[in-house]
Amino acid sequence: MAEEALEVKAAPDEQAQKPSSKTAEGVPIMHVRVASPFKTFFDENAQSISGVNGTGAFDILPHHHNFISLLSPCELSIVTDKGTSRIKISGGIMHVKADQVVVFLNV
Protein backbone atom coordinates (compact mmCIF):
# COMPACT_ATOMS: atom_id res chain seq x y z
CA MET A 1 0.00 0.00 0.00
CA ALA A 2 1.42 3.39 -1.01
CA GLU A 3 1.65 6.05 1.65
CA GLU A 4 0.18 9.42 0.79
CA ALA A 5 1.74 12.64 2.02
CA LEU A 6 -0.68 14.71 3.99
CA GLU A 7 -0.39 18.47 3.87
CA VAL A 8 -1.58 20.18 7.02
CA LYS A 9 -2.61 23.80 6.61
CA ALA A 10 -3.48 26.22 9.38
CA ALA A 11 -7.04 27.43 9.49
CA PRO A 12 -7.52 30.98 8.13
CA ASP A 13 -8.10 32.32 11.67
CA GLU A 14 -4.80 30.85 12.86
CA GLN A 15 -2.91 32.40 9.94
CA ALA A 16 -4.41 35.83 10.62
CA GLN A 17 -3.31 35.76 14.27
CA LYS A 18 0.38 35.09 13.61
CA PRO A 19 2.56 38.21 13.85
CA SER A 20 4.23 39.31 10.66
CA SER A 21 7.89 38.52 10.30
CA LYS A 22 9.04 41.67 8.53
CA THR A 23 12.71 42.30 9.17
CA ALA A 24 15.40 44.64 7.97
CA GLU A 25 18.79 42.94 8.18
CA GLY A 26 17.41 40.53 10.77
CA VAL A 27 15.87 43.24 12.99
CA PRO A 28 12.04 43.11 13.34
CA ILE A 29 10.30 46.16 11.89
CA MET A 30 6.85 47.71 11.72
CA HIS A 31 5.37 50.46 9.58
CA VAL A 32 4.89 53.84 11.29
CA ARG A 33 2.87 56.73 9.90
CA VAL A 34 2.56 60.08 11.71
CA ALA A 35 0.17 62.50 10.04
CA SER A 36 -2.15 65.43 10.54
CA PRO A 37 -5.10 66.11 8.23
CA PHE A 38 -2.93 68.11 5.81
CA LYS A 39 0.63 66.87 6.32
CA THR A 40 2.49 63.57 6.71
CA PHE A 41 5.44 63.89 9.10
CA PHE A 42 6.73 60.29 8.94
CA ASP A 43 5.78 57.29 6.78
CA GLU A 44 8.45 54.55 6.91
CA ASN A 45 9.42 51.26 8.49
CA ALA A 46 10.77 51.54 12.04
CA GLN A 47 12.17 49.43 14.85
CA SER A 48 10.35 51.29 17.66
CA ILE A 49 8.29 54.34 18.53
CA SER A 50 8.14 56.02 21.93
CA GLY A 51 5.60 58.51 23.24
CA VAL A 52 3.72 59.68 26.33
CA ASN A 53 0.09 59.13 27.34
CA GLY A 54 -1.89 59.83 30.52
CA THR A 55 -0.09 57.09 32.45
CA GLY A 56 3.43 58.01 31.35
CA ALA A 57 6.07 57.19 28.77
CA PHE A 58 5.75 54.01 26.68
CA ASP A 59 7.40 52.20 23.79
CA ILE A 60 5.90 50.26 20.88
CA LEU A 61 8.00 47.50 19.33
CA PRO A 62 7.22 45.08 16.47
CA HIS A 63 4.64 42.40 17.37
CA HIS A 64 3.00 44.69 19.96
CA HIS A 65 -0.57 43.77 20.90
CA ASN A 66 -3.39 45.83 19.42
CA PHE A 67 -3.33 49.18 21.18
CA ILE A 68 -5.01 52.57 21.01
CA SER A 69 -4.19 55.58 23.15
CA LEU A 70 -4.60 59.33 23.46
CA LEU A 71 -1.17 60.95 23.35
CA SER A 72 -0.09 63.74 25.68
CA PRO A 73 2.08 66.63 24.49
CA CYS A 74 5.52 65.09 23.99
CA GLU A 75 8.28 64.36 21.54
CA LEU A 76 7.68 61.14 19.61
CA SER A 77 10.90 59.22 19.11
CA ILE A 78 11.00 56.86 16.12
CA VAL A 79 14.01 54.56 15.70
CA THR A 80 14.87 53.34 12.19
CA ASP A 81 17.91 51.73 10.63
CA LYS A 82 18.94 55.26 9.53
CA GLY A 83 18.79 56.78 13.01
CA THR A 84 16.21 58.39 15.29
CA SER A 85 13.53 60.83 14.16
CA ARG A 86 11.95 63.12 16.72
CA ILE A 87 8.59 64.82 16.22
CA LYS A 88 7.29 67.30 18.78
CA ILE A 89 3.51 66.97 19.16
CA SER A 90 0.81 68.75 21.15
CA GLY A 91 -1.27 65.55 21.41
CA GLY A 92 -2.94 62.98 19.20
CA ILE A 93 -4.20 59.42 18.90
CA MET A 94 -2.04 56.32 18.35
CA HIS A 95 -3.43 53.12 16.83
CA VAL A 96 -1.34 49.92 16.72
CA LYS A 97 -2.47 46.77 14.89
CA ALA A 98 -0.57 44.03 13.04
CA ASP A 99 2.79 45.86 12.97
CA GLN A 100 1.12 49.00 11.63
CA VAL A 101 1.34 52.12 13.80
CA VAL A 102 -0.68 55.18 12.86
CA VAL A 103 -0.46 58.43 14.82
CA PHE A 104 -3.18 60.98 14.08
CA LEU A 105 -2.25 64.55 15.06
CA ASN A 106 -4.45 67.64 15.39
CA VAL A 107 -7.70 65.69 15.69
PDB file of N, CA and C in Angstrom:
ATOM      1  N   MET A   1       0.844  -1.167   0.000  1.00  0.00           N
ATOM      2  CA  MET A   1       0.000   0.000   0.000  1.00  0.00           C
ATOM      3  C   MET A   1       0.899   1.243   0.000  1.00  0.00           C
ATOM      4  N   ALA A   2       0.631   2.152  -0.900  1.00  0.00           N
ATOM      5  CA  ALA A   2       1.415   3.387  -1.007  1.00  0.00           C
ATOM      6  C   ALA A   2       0.975   4.377   0.051  1.00  0.00           C
ATOM      7  N   GLU A   3       1.970   5.029   0.649  1.00  0.00           N
ATOM      8  CA  GLU A   3       1.653   6.051   1.648  1.00  0.00           C
ATOM      9  C   GLU A   3       1.453   7.392   0.943  1.00  0.00           C
ATOM     10  N   GLU A   4       0.450   8.102   1.368  1.00  0.00           N
ATOM     11  CA  GLU A   4       0.182   9.418   0.795  1.00  0.00           C
ATOM     12  C   GLU A   4       0.676  10.497   1.748  1.00  0.00           C
ATOM     13  N   ALA A   5       1.281  11.512   1.194  1.00  0.00           N
ATOM     14  CA  ALA A   5       1.735  12.639   2.018  1.00  0.00           C
ATOM     15  C   ALA A   5       0.540  13.522   2.328  1.00  0.00           C
ATOM     16  N   LEU A   6       0.404  13.835   3.578  1.00  0.00           N
ATOM     17  CA  LEU A   6      -0.681  14.713   3.992  1.00  0.00           C
ATOM     18  C   LEU A   6      -0.117  16.115   4.210  1.00  0.00           C
ATOM     19  N   GLU A   7      -0.800  17.086   3.667  1.00  0.00           N
ATOM     20  CA  GLU A   7      -0.392  18.468   3.873  1.00  0.00           C
ATOM     21  C   GLU A   7      -1.338  19.091   4.882  1.00  0.00           C
ATOM     22  N   VAL A   8      -0.779  19.576   5.974  1.00  0.00           N
ATOM     23  CA  VAL A   8      -1.584  20.178   7.016  1.00  0.00           C
ATOM     24  C   VAL A   8      -1.468  21.692   6.876  1.00  0.00           C
ATOM     25  N   LYS A   9      -2.595  22.343   6.734  1.00  0.00           N
ATOM     26  CA  LYS A   9      -2.610  23.799   6.610  1.00  0.00           C
ATOM     27  C   LYS A   9      -3.316  24.381   7.819  1.00  0.00           C
ATOM     28  N   ALA A  10      -2.829  25.529   8.259  1.00  0.00           N
ATOM     29  CA  ALA A  10      -3.476  26.222   9.379  1.00  0.00           C
ATOM     30  C   ALA A  10      -4.795  26.805   8.908  1.00  0.00           C
ATOM     31  N   ALA A  11      -5.742  26.823   9.793  1.00  0.00           N
ATOM     32  CA  ALA A  11      -7.037  27.426   9.485  1.00  0.00           C
ATOM     33  C   ALA A  11      -6.829  28.916   9.228  1.00  0.00           C
ATOM     34  N   PRO A  12      -7.691  29.550   8.421  1.00  0.00           N
ATOM     35  CA  PRO A  12      -7.522  30.977   8.128  1.00  0.00           C
ATOM     36  C   PRO A  12      -7.421  31.842   9.374  1.00  0.00           C
ATOM     37  N   ASP A  13      -8.173  31.527  10.437  1.00  0.00           N
ATOM     38  CA  ASP A  13      -8.105  32.317  11.666  1.00  0.00           C
ATOM     39  C   ASP A  13      -6.730  32.218  12.310  1.00  0.00           C
ATOM     40  N   GLU A  14      -6.120  31.025  12.268  1.00  0.00           N
ATOM     41  CA  GLU A  14      -4.796  30.846  12.859  1.00  0.00           C
ATOM     42  C   GLU A  14      -3.755  31.635  12.086  1.00  0.00           C
ATOM     43  N   GLN A  15      -3.861  31.664  10.751  1.00  0.00           N
ATOM     44  CA  GLN A  15      -2.914  32.404   9.940  1.00  0.00           C
ATOM     45  C   GLN A  15      -3.019  33.897  10.208  1.00  0.00           C
ATOM     46  N   ALA A  16      -4.217  34.396  10.397  1.00  0.00           N
ATOM     47  CA  ALA A  16      -4.414  35.831  10.621  1.00  0.00           C
ATOM     48  C   ALA A  16      -3.855  36.282  11.962  1.00  0.00           C
ATOM     49  N   GLN A  17      -3.751  35.385  12.939  1.00  0.00           N
ATOM     50  CA  GLN A  17      -3.305  35.763  14.268  1.00  0.00           C
ATOM     51  C   GLN A  17      -1.790  35.747  14.423  1.00  0.00           C
ATOM     52  N   LYS A  18      -1.070  35.139  13.497  1.00  0.00           N
ATOM     53  CA  LYS A  18       0.380  35.091  13.608  1.00  0.00           C
ATOM     54  C   LYS A  18       0.963  36.470  13.332  1.00  0.00           C
ATOM     55  N   PRO A  19       1.947  36.920  14.124  1.00  0.00           N
ATOM     56  CA  PRO A  19       2.563  38.214  13.853  1.00  0.00           C
ATOM     57  C   PRO A  19       3.352  38.153  12.559  1.00  0.00           C
ATOM     58  N   SER A  20       3.455  39.288  11.890  1.00  0.00           N
ATOM     59  CA  SER A  20       4.229  39.309  10.658  1.00  0.00           C
ATOM     60  C   SER A  20       5.698  39.127  11.007  1.00  0.00           C
ATOM     61  N   SER A  21       6.472  38.742  10.036  1.00  0.00           N
ATOM     62  CA  SER A  21       7.889  38.518  10.299  1.00  0.00           C
ATOM     63  C   SER A  21       8.737  39.456   9.446  1.00  0.00           C
ATOM     64  N   LYS A  22       8.271  40.692   9.282  1.00  0.00           N
ATOM     65  CA  LYS A  22       9.043  41.671   8.530  1.00  0.00           C
ATOM     66  C   LYS A  22      10.327  41.967   9.282  1.00  0.00           C
ATOM     67  N   THR A  23      11.436  41.958   8.557  1.00  0.00           N
ATOM     68  CA  THR A  23      12.715  42.299   9.168  1.00  0.00           C
ATOM     69  C   THR A  23      13.528  43.144   8.194  1.00  0.00           C
ATOM     70  N   ALA A  24      14.420  43.900   8.748  1.00  0.00           N
ATOM     71  CA  ALA A  24      15.403  44.644   7.969  1.00  0.00           C
ATOM     72  C   ALA A  24      16.755  44.228   8.530  1.00  0.00           C
ATOM     73  N   GLU A  25      17.501  43.475   7.749  1.00  0.00           N
ATOM     74  CA  GLU A  25      18.793  42.944   8.183  1.00  0.00           C
ATOM     75  C   GLU A  25      18.673  42.170   9.484  1.00  0.00           C
ATOM     76  N   GLY A  26      17.605  41.375   9.607  1.00  0.00           N
ATOM     77  CA  GLY A  26      17.412  40.525  10.767  1.00  0.00           C
ATOM     78  C   GLY A  26      16.758  41.202  11.960  1.00  0.00           C
ATOM     79  N   VAL A  27      16.493  42.498  11.884  1.00  0.00           N
ATOM     80  CA  VAL A  27      15.865  43.240  12.986  1.00  0.00           C
ATOM     81  C   VAL A  27      14.374  43.379  12.680  1.00  0.00           C
ATOM     82  N   PRO A  28      13.484  42.971  13.590  1.00  0.00           N
ATOM     83  CA  PRO A  28      12.045  43.108  13.341  1.00  0.00           C
ATOM     84  C   PRO A  28      11.657  44.578  13.119  1.00  0.00           C
ATOM     85  N   ILE A  29      10.741  44.806  12.179  1.00  0.00           N
ATOM     86  CA  ILE A  29      10.301  46.164  11.886  1.00  0.00           C
ATOM     87  C   ILE A  29       8.777  46.224  11.831  1.00  0.00           C
ATOM     88  N   MET A  30       8.272  47.439  11.875  1.00  0.00           N
ATOM     89  CA  MET A  30       6.847  47.707  11.723  1.00  0.00           C
ATOM     90  C   MET A  30       6.739  48.981  10.885  1.00  0.00           C
ATOM     91  N   HIS A  31       5.549  49.240  10.353  1.00  0.00           N
ATOM     92  CA  HIS A  31       5.373  50.465   9.577  1.00  0.00           C
ATOM     93  C   HIS A  31       4.765  51.531  10.475  1.00  0.00           C
ATOM     94  N   VAL A  32       5.355  52.722  10.456  1.00  0.00           N
ATOM     95  CA  VAL A  32       4.893  53.837  11.290  1.00  0.00           C
ATOM     96  C   VAL A  32       4.520  54.999  10.381  1.00  0.00           C
ATOM     97  N   ARG A  33       3.337  55.548  10.628  1.00  0.00           N
ATOM     98  CA  ARG A  33       2.873  56.733   9.898  1.00  0.00           C
ATOM     99  C   ARG A  33       2.408  57.760  10.918  1.00  0.00           C
ATOM    100  N   VAL A  34       2.960  58.971  10.840  1.00  0.00           N
ATOM    101  CA  VAL A  34       2.561  60.077  11.711  1.00  0.00           C
ATOM    102  C   VAL A  34       2.043  61.174  10.790  1.00  0.00           C
ATOM    103  N   ALA A  35       0.762  61.535  10.954  1.00  0.00           N
ATOM    104  CA  ALA A  35       0.168  62.499  10.036  1.00  0.00           C
ATOM    105  C   ALA A  35      -0.897  63.351  10.698  1.00  0.00           C
ATOM    106  N   SER A  36      -1.040  64.555  10.178  1.00  0.00           N
ATOM    107  CA  SER A  36      -2.149  65.426  10.539  1.00  0.00           C
ATOM    108  C   SER A  36      -3.063  65.447   9.314  1.00  0.00           C
ATOM    109  N   PRO A  37      -4.208  66.114   9.391  1.00  0.00           N
ATOM    110  CA  PRO A  37      -5.103  66.107   8.227  1.00  0.00           C
ATOM    111  C   PRO A  37      -4.470  66.624   6.926  1.00  0.00           C
ATOM    112  N   PHE A  38      -3.474  67.508   7.023  1.00  0.00           N
ATOM    113  CA  PHE A  38      -2.932  68.107   5.807  1.00  0.00           C
ATOM    114  C   PHE A  38      -1.439  67.870   5.585  1.00  0.00           C
ATOM    115  N   LYS A  39      -0.803  67.104   6.466  1.00  0.00           N
ATOM    116  CA  LYS A  39       0.634  66.871   6.320  1.00  0.00           C
ATOM    117  C   LYS A  39       1.026  65.522   6.891  1.00  0.00           C
ATOM    118  N   THR A  40       1.919  64.819   6.207  1.00  0.00           N
ATOM    119  CA  THR A  40       2.491  63.572   6.714  1.00  0.00           C
ATOM    120  C   THR A  40       3.897  63.884   7.209  1.00  0.00           C
ATOM    121  N   PHE A  41       4.156  63.594   8.485  1.00  0.00           N
ATOM    122  CA  PHE A  41       5.441  63.890   9.100  1.00  0.00           C
ATOM    123  C   PHE A  41       6.405  62.716   9.010  1.00  0.00           C
ATOM    124  N   PHE A  42       5.883  61.494   8.975  1.00  0.00           N
ATOM    125  CA  PHE A  42       6.728  60.293   8.942  1.00  0.00           C
ATOM    126  C   PHE A  42       5.902  59.168   8.329  1.00  0.00           C
ATOM    127  N   ASP A  43       6.489  58.401   7.414  1.00  0.00           N
ATOM    128  CA  ASP A  43       5.780  57.287   6.784  1.00  0.00           C
ATOM    129  C   ASP A  43       6.812  56.275   6.286  1.00  0.00           C
ATOM    130  N   GLU A  44       7.373  55.495   7.224  1.00  0.00           N
ATOM    131  CA  GLU A  44       8.450  54.549   6.907  1.00  0.00           C
ATOM    132  C   GLU A  44       8.401  53.356   7.857  1.00  0.00           C
ATOM    133  N   ASN A  45       9.242  52.372   7.565  1.00  0.00           N
ATOM    134  CA  ASN A  45       9.420  51.259   8.494  1.00  0.00           C
ATOM    135  C   ASN A  45      10.281  51.726   9.657  1.00  0.00           C
ATOM    136  N   ALA A  46      10.019  51.150  10.839  1.00  0.00           N
ATOM    137  CA  ALA A  46      10.770  51.543  12.037  1.00  0.00           C
ATOM    138  C   ALA A  46      10.945  50.340  12.953  1.00  0.00           C
ATOM    139  N   GLN A  47      11.895  50.476  13.872  1.00  0.00           N
ATOM    140  CA  GLN A  47      12.165  49.427  14.851  1.00  0.00           C
ATOM    141  C   GLN A  47      11.431  49.680  16.156  1.00  0.00           C
ATOM    142  N   SER A  48      11.111  50.962  16.449  1.00  0.00           N
ATOM    143  CA  SER A  48      10.354  51.293  17.655  1.00  0.00           C
ATOM    144  C   SER A  48       9.814  52.709  17.550  1.00  0.00           C
ATOM    145  N   ILE A  49       8.805  52.981  18.377  1.00  0.00           N
ATOM    146  CA  ILE A  49       8.290  54.340  18.528  1.00  0.00           C
ATOM    147  C   ILE A  49       7.994  54.536  20.011  1.00  0.00           C
ATOM    148  N   SER A  50       8.353  55.703  20.521  1.00  0.00           N
ATOM    149  CA  SER A  50       8.136  56.022  21.933  1.00  0.00           C
ATOM    150  C   SER A  50       7.315  57.291  22.032  1.00  0.00           C
ATOM    151  N   GLY A  51       6.431  57.338  23.025  1.00  0.00           N
ATOM    152  CA  GLY A  51       5.598  58.506  23.245  1.00  0.00           C
ATOM    153  C   GLY A  51       5.171  58.587  24.700  1.00  0.00           C
ATOM    154  N   VAL A  52       4.222  59.482  24.972  1.00  0.00           N
ATOM    155  CA  VAL A  52       3.722  59.681  26.326  1.00  0.00           C
ATOM    156  C   VAL A  52       2.204  59.752  26.272  1.00  0.00           C
ATOM    157  N   ASN A  53       1.538  59.021  27.193  1.00  0.00           N
ATOM    158  CA  ASN A  53       0.087  59.134  27.335  1.00  0.00           C
ATOM    159  C   ASN A  53      -0.224  59.514  28.785  1.00  0.00           C
ATOM    160  N   GLY A  54      -1.476  59.422  29.184  1.00  0.00           N
ATOM    161  CA  GLY A  54      -1.888  59.833  30.524  1.00  0.00           C
ATOM    162  C   GLY A  54      -1.250  59.065  31.657  1.00  0.00           C
ATOM    163  N   THR A  55      -0.723  57.878  31.385  1.00  0.00           N
ATOM    164  CA  THR A  55      -0.090  57.086  32.447  1.00  0.00           C
ATOM    165  C   THR A  55       1.431  57.171  32.419  1.00  0.00           C
ATOM    166  N   GLY A  56       1.990  57.847  31.407  1.00  0.00           N
ATOM    167  CA  GLY A  56       3.434  58.007  31.347  1.00  0.00           C
ATOM    168  C   GLY A  56       4.034  57.632  30.014  1.00  0.00           C
ATOM    169  N   ALA A  57       5.338  57.523  29.993  1.00  0.00           N
ATOM    170  CA  ALA A  57       6.073  57.187  28.771  1.00  0.00           C
ATOM    171  C   ALA A  57       5.881  55.709  28.431  1.00  0.00           C
ATOM    172  N   PHE A  58       5.886  55.398  27.124  1.00  0.00           N
ATOM    173  CA  PHE A  58       5.749  54.011  26.680  1.00  0.00           C
ATOM    174  C   PHE A  58       6.467  53.826  25.353  1.00  0.00           C
ATOM    175  N   ASP A  59       6.746  52.571  25.042  1.00  0.00           N
ATOM    176  CA  ASP A  59       7.403  52.198  23.788  1.00  0.00           C
ATOM    177  C   ASP A  59       6.527  51.194  23.056  1.00  0.00           C
ATOM    178  N   ILE A  60       6.551  51.250  21.736  1.00  0.00           N
ATOM    179  CA  ILE A  60       5.896  50.260  20.882  1.00  0.00           C
ATOM    180  C   ILE A  60       6.995  49.601  20.061  1.00  0.00           C
ATOM    181  N   LEU A  61       7.036  48.281  20.096  1.00  0.00           N
ATOM    182  CA  LEU A  61       7.996  47.495  19.330  1.00  0.00           C
ATOM    183  C   LEU A  61       7.236  46.589  18.370  1.00  0.00           C
ATOM    184  N   PRO A  62       7.903  46.025  17.357  1.00  0.00           N
ATOM    185  CA  PRO A  62       7.223  45.082  16.472  1.00  0.00           C
ATOM    186  C   PRO A  62       6.557  43.954  17.263  1.00  0.00           C
ATOM    187  N   HIS A  63       5.452  43.471  16.772  1.00  0.00           N
ATOM    188  CA  HIS A  63       4.643  42.400  17.370  1.00  0.00           C
ATOM    189  C   HIS A  63       3.888  42.846  18.619  1.00  0.00           C
ATOM    190  N   HIS A  64       3.747  44.165  18.819  1.00  0.00           N
ATOM    191  CA  HIS A  64       3.003  44.690  19.963  1.00  0.00           C
ATOM    192  C   HIS A  64       1.533  44.290  19.815  1.00  0.00           C
ATOM    193  N   HIS A  65       0.868  44.058  20.929  1.00  0.00           N
ATOM    194  CA  HIS A  65      -0.565  43.772  20.904  1.00  0.00           C
ATOM    195  C   HIS A  65      -1.324  44.971  20.360  1.00  0.00           C
ATOM    196  N   ASN A  66      -2.546  44.731  19.876  1.00  0.00           N
ATOM    197  CA  ASN A  66      -3.387  45.830  19.424  1.00  0.00           C
ATOM    198  C   ASN A  66      -3.500  46.850  20.545  1.00  0.00           C
ATOM    199  N   PHE A  67      -3.452  48.135  20.175  1.00  0.00           N
ATOM    200  CA  PHE A  67      -3.335  49.185  21.177  1.00  0.00           C
ATOM    201  C   PHE A  67      -3.880  50.472  20.591  1.00  0.00           C
ATOM    202  N   ILE A  68      -4.587  51.237  21.405  1.00  0.00           N
ATOM    203  CA  ILE A  68      -5.014  52.574  21.008  1.00  0.00           C
ATOM    204  C   ILE A  68      -4.887  53.468  22.227  1.00  0.00           C
ATOM    205  N   SER A  69      -4.408  54.701  22.010  1.00  0.00           N
ATOM    206  CA  SER A  69      -4.187  55.585  23.151  1.00  0.00           C
ATOM    207  C   SER A  69      -4.248  57.040  22.716  1.00  0.00           C
ATOM    208  N   LEU A  70      -4.719  57.887  23.630  1.00  0.00           N
ATOM    209  CA  LEU A  70      -4.597  59.333  23.457  1.00  0.00           C
ATOM    210  C   LEU A  70      -3.179  59.715  23.859  1.00  0.00           C
ATOM    211  N   LEU A  71      -2.532  60.527  23.062  1.00  0.00           N
ATOM    212  CA  LEU A  71      -1.169  60.952  23.354  1.00  0.00           C
ATOM    213  C   LEU A  71      -1.172  62.308  24.031  1.00  0.00           C
ATOM    214  N   SER A  72      -0.301  62.460  24.993  1.00  0.00           N
ATOM    215  CA  SER A  72      -0.092  63.738  25.676  1.00  0.00           C
ATOM    216  C   SER A  72       0.932  64.547  24.885  1.00  0.00           C
ATOM    217  N   PRO A  73       1.018  65.852  25.139  1.00  0.00           N
ATOM    218  CA  PRO A  73       2.083  66.626  24.493  1.00  0.00           C
ATOM    219  C   PRO A  73       3.443  66.000  24.826  1.00  0.00           C
ATOM    220  N   CYS A  74       4.230  65.745  23.801  1.00  0.00           N
ATOM    221  CA  CYS A  74       5.520  65.087  23.994  1.00  0.00           C
ATOM    222  C   CYS A  74       6.328  65.170  22.710  1.00  0.00           C
ATOM    223  N   GLU A  75       7.464  64.517  22.729  1.00  0.00           N
ATOM    224  CA  GLU A  75       8.285  64.364  21.539  1.00  0.00           C
ATOM    225  C   GLU A  75       8.273  62.884  21.185  1.00  0.00           C
ATOM    226  N   LEU A  76       7.646  62.531  20.063  1.00  0.00           N
ATOM    227  CA  LEU A  76       7.683  61.140  19.610  1.00  0.00           C
ATOM    228  C   LEU A  76       9.097  60.827  19.163  1.00  0.00           C
ATOM    229  N   SER A  77       9.574  59.657  19.508  1.00  0.00           N
ATOM    230  CA  SER A  77      10.903  59.217  19.114  1.00  0.00           C
ATOM    231  C   SER A  77      10.738  57.945  18.292  1.00  0.00           C
ATOM    232  N   ILE A  78      11.165  57.989  17.028  1.00  0.00           N
ATOM    233  CA  ILE A  78      10.997  56.861  16.117  1.00  0.00           C
ATOM    234  C   ILE A  78      12.374  56.380  15.684  1.00  0.00           C
ATOM    235  N   VAL A  79      12.698  55.131  16.020  1.00  0.00           N
ATOM    236  CA  VAL A  79      14.010  54.564  15.702  1.00  0.00           C
ATOM    237  C   VAL A  79      13.914  53.756  14.413  1.00  0.00           C
ATOM    238  N   THR A  80      14.777  54.075  13.452  1.00  0.00           N
ATOM    239  CA  THR A  80      14.868  53.342  12.191  1.00  0.00           C
ATOM    240  C   THR A  80      16.309  52.882  11.999  1.00  0.00           C
ATOM    241  N   ASP A  81      16.543  52.159  10.921  1.00  0.00           N
ATOM    242  CA  ASP A  81      17.912  51.731  10.633  1.00  0.00           C
ATOM    243  C   ASP A  81      18.798  52.912  10.228  1.00  0.00           C
ATOM    244  N   LYS A  82      18.189  54.066   9.921  1.00  0.00           N
ATOM    245  CA  LYS A  82      18.941  55.262   9.532  1.00  0.00           C
ATOM    246  C   LYS A  82      19.229  56.189  10.702  1.00  0.00           C
ATOM    247  N   GLY A  83      18.611  55.917  11.850  1.00  0.00           N
ATOM    248  CA  GLY A  83      18.793  56.783  13.008  1.00  0.00           C
ATOM    249  C   GLY A  83      17.471  57.017  13.719  1.00  0.00           C
ATOM    250  N   THR A  84      17.409  58.083  14.511  1.00  0.00           N
ATOM    251  CA  THR A  84      16.214  58.392  15.292  1.00  0.00           C
ATOM    252  C   THR A  84      15.591  59.685  14.795  1.00  0.00           C
ATOM    253  N   SER A  85      14.283  59.632  14.531  1.00  0.00           N
ATOM    254  CA  SER A  85      13.525  60.832  14.159  1.00  0.00           C
ATOM    255  C   SER A  85      12.743  61.281  15.372  1.00  0.00           C
ATOM    256  N   ARG A  86      12.702  62.570  15.597  1.00  0.00           N
ATOM    257  CA  ARG A  86      11.946  63.121  16.724  1.00  0.00           C
ATOM    258  C   ARG A  86      10.921  64.108  16.180  1.00  0.00           C
ATOM    259  N   ILE A  87       9.677  63.952  16.660  1.00  0.00           N
ATOM    260  CA  ILE A  87       8.592  64.816  16.218  1.00  0.00           C
ATOM    261  C   ILE A  87       7.896  65.356  17.453  1.00  0.00           C
ATOM    262  N   LYS A  88       7.943  66.666  17.634  1.00  0.00           N
ATOM    263  CA  LYS A  88       7.292  67.299  18.781  1.00  0.00           C
ATOM    264  C   LYS A  88       5.802  67.432  18.468  1.00  0.00           C
ATOM    265  N   ILE A  89       4.949  66.932  19.392  1.00  0.00           N
ATOM    266  CA  ILE A  89       3.507  66.971  19.160  1.00  0.00           C
ATOM    267  C   ILE A  89       2.799  67.629  20.342  1.00  0.00           C
ATOM    268  N   SER A  90       1.607  68.150  20.081  1.00  0.00           N
ATOM    269  CA  SER A  90       0.810  68.746  21.151  1.00  0.00           C
ATOM    270  C   SER A  90      -0.277  67.777  21.613  1.00  0.00           C
ATOM    271  N   GLY A  91      -0.289  66.580  21.047  1.00  0.00           N
ATOM    272  CA  GLY A  91      -1.267  65.548  21.407  1.00  0.00           C
ATOM    273  C   GLY A  91      -1.716  64.821  20.154  1.00  0.00           C
ATOM    274  N   GLY A  92      -2.449  63.748  20.337  1.00  0.00           N
ATOM    275  CA  GLY A  92      -2.937  62.979  19.196  1.00  0.00           C
ATOM    276  C   GLY A  92      -3.496  61.642  19.635  1.00  0.00           C
ATOM    277  N   ILE A  93      -3.691  60.767  18.660  1.00  0.00           N
ATOM    278  CA  ILE A  93      -4.201  59.419  18.897  1.00  0.00           C
ATOM    279  C   ILE A  93      -3.258  58.443  18.213  1.00  0.00           C
ATOM    280  N   MET A  94      -2.880  57.375  18.930  1.00  0.00           N
ATOM    281  CA  MET A  94      -2.039  56.325  18.349  1.00  0.00           C
ATOM    282  C   MET A  94      -2.842  55.043  18.243  1.00  0.00           C
ATOM    283  N   HIS A  95      -2.758  54.401  17.069  1.00  0.00           N
ATOM    284  CA  HIS A  95      -3.429  53.122  16.833  1.00  0.00           C
ATOM    285  C   HIS A  95      -2.375  52.117  16.375  1.00  0.00           C
ATOM    286  N   VAL A  96      -2.309  50.970  17.047  1.00  0.00           N
ATOM    287  CA  VAL A  96      -1.342  49.923  16.718  1.00  0.00           C
ATOM    288  C   VAL A  96      -2.103  48.640  16.415  1.00  0.00           C
ATOM    289  N   LYS A  97      -1.842  48.053  15.250  1.00  0.00           N
ATOM    290  CA  LYS A  97      -2.465  46.774  14.892  1.00  0.00           C
ATOM    291  C   LYS A  97      -1.627  46.105  13.805  1.00  0.00           C
ATOM    292  N   ALA A  98      -1.280  44.855  14.030  1.00  0.00           N
ATOM    293  CA  ALA A  98      -0.566  44.026  13.042  1.00  0.00           C
ATOM    294  C   ALA A  98       0.677  44.718  12.478  1.00  0.00           C
ATOM    295  N   ASP A  99       1.540  45.202  13.361  1.00  0.00           N
ATOM    296  CA  ASP A  99       2.788  45.864  12.969  1.00  0.00           C
ATOM    297  C   ASP A  99       2.567  47.092  12.099  1.00  0.00           C
ATOM    298  N   GLN A 100       1.416  47.726  12.263  1.00  0.00           N
ATOM    299  CA  GLN A 100       1.116  49.000  11.626  1.00  0.00           C
ATOM    300  C   GLN A 100       0.799  49.998  12.735  1.00  0.00           C
ATOM    301  N   VAL A 101       1.559  51.086  12.796  1.00  0.00           N
ATOM    302  CA  VAL A 101       1.339  52.120  13.803  1.00  0.00           C
ATOM    303  C   VAL A 101       0.923  53.391  13.066  1.00  0.00           C
ATOM    304  N   VAL A 102      -0.223  53.936  13.452  1.00  0.00           N
ATOM    305  CA  VAL A 102      -0.683  55.184  12.857  1.00  0.00           C
ATOM    306  C   VAL A 102      -0.895  56.180  13.984  1.00  0.00           C
ATOM    307  N   VAL A 103      -0.289  57.353  13.850  1.00  0.00           N
ATOM    308  CA  VAL A 103      -0.456  58.434  14.822  1.00  0.00           C
ATOM    309  C   VAL A 103      -1.193  59.560  14.109  1.00  0.00           C
ATOM    310  N   PHE A 104      -2.359  59.899  14.622  1.00  0.00           N
ATOM    311  CA  PHE A 104      -3.175  60.982  14.080  1.00  0.00           C
ATOM    312  C   PHE A 104      -2.949  62.220  14.940  1.00  0.00           C
ATOM    313  N   LEU A 105      -2.496  63.296  14.335  1.00  0.00           N
ATOM    314  CA  LEU A 105      -2.246  64.547  15.056  1.00  0.00           C
ATOM    315  C   LEU A 105      -3.330  65.571  14.719  1.00  0.00           C
ATOM    316  N   ASN A 106      -3.521  66.528  15.624  1.00  0.00           N
ATOM    317  CA  ASN A 106      -4.455  67.636  15.392  1.00  0.00           C
ATOM    318  C   ASN A 106      -5.880  67.166  15.091  1.00  0.00           C
ATOM    319  N   VAL A 107      -6.319  66.177  15.862  1.00  0.00           N
ATOM    320  CA  VAL A 107      -7.696  65.685  15.692  1.00  0.00           C
ATOM    321  C   VAL A 107      -8.498  65.958  16.949  1.00  0.00           C
TER     322      VAL A 107
END
